[in-house]
Amino acid sequence: EPLTPAANLCKRAGIPLIVFDRKINAVPGKDFVTFIGASYVEEGRECARLLVEKLYQKYGEYKGNVVEIAGTAGSSPQIDRAAGFREIIQRFPGIKIVASQDGDYLRSNARSIMENYMERFPPGEIDAVFCHSDEMAIGAVAAIEAAGRDELLGWVVSTDGERPALKLIIEGKMLGTAQCPPYYGNLTIKTAIDFLDGKPVPPEIWLPFETFSNVNETELQKTKQYYEYLKANDLMY
């Protein structure tokens, strides 16, 4: 919403605009050139799928209680990740989201929220944690470890695919993360060049992404390989 006036100014001035990552209240291909983004809805779905199957392995049926640490209220990633997660979870009546609070994608906020959740829900009352970013997942894991709530280690899922989160997955302290593709810069510049060269540009461009987890040996090895690639190239994601 806050970005929409800038898009309107560009349109009135005849300045081509490419929008990436955050959606605006305007029509791509009409009000601006194109929107480049990842499917935050699908990221949320992937996190839910990981937890659903993990809960089935734990109980032999689809049941369990999940707490959520969401992103910045009203942002497109927060809205879409929450929607995708709920779309899957709602198919399993035995799985409940028992609490949700916005953490603004900050590690410190997530740690405080997780501390409050653990005070509110003693051992046995929550099974898993869904965070809208790896940064918040890292904060949640830190709170879990500090509180000695080991039953929650390995039950945290998040999005982004950052190197520190991959390390926690490899160590068994997180379950998985749905990657937020780190390809915006290259693709945005290429799209701008294509537009200036008169080449056709679709109104929306969606980036593919990977999911990293430790649900089985194959997925764990994939996670380890990507982690080592990031480490060797001094990349965060």
Foldseek 3Di string as FASTA:
>chain_A
DVCQVVLQVCQVVVHADEAEDWDDPDFFPPSHPAYEFAQLLVQLLVLLVLLQVVVCVVPVARAFEEEEAFADPPTPSRVNSVNSNCVVNVVGVRYYHPYYDYQNLALQSLLVVLLVVCVVAPPPRHQAYEYAAVSSVVSNLVNCVVVVVVSHFLRYEYEALWLVSLVSQLVSRHFKYKHGDPCVPVVVVVQVVCVVVVHRDDRYHYDDTDMAGPPDPVSNVVSVVVSVVCVVVVHGD
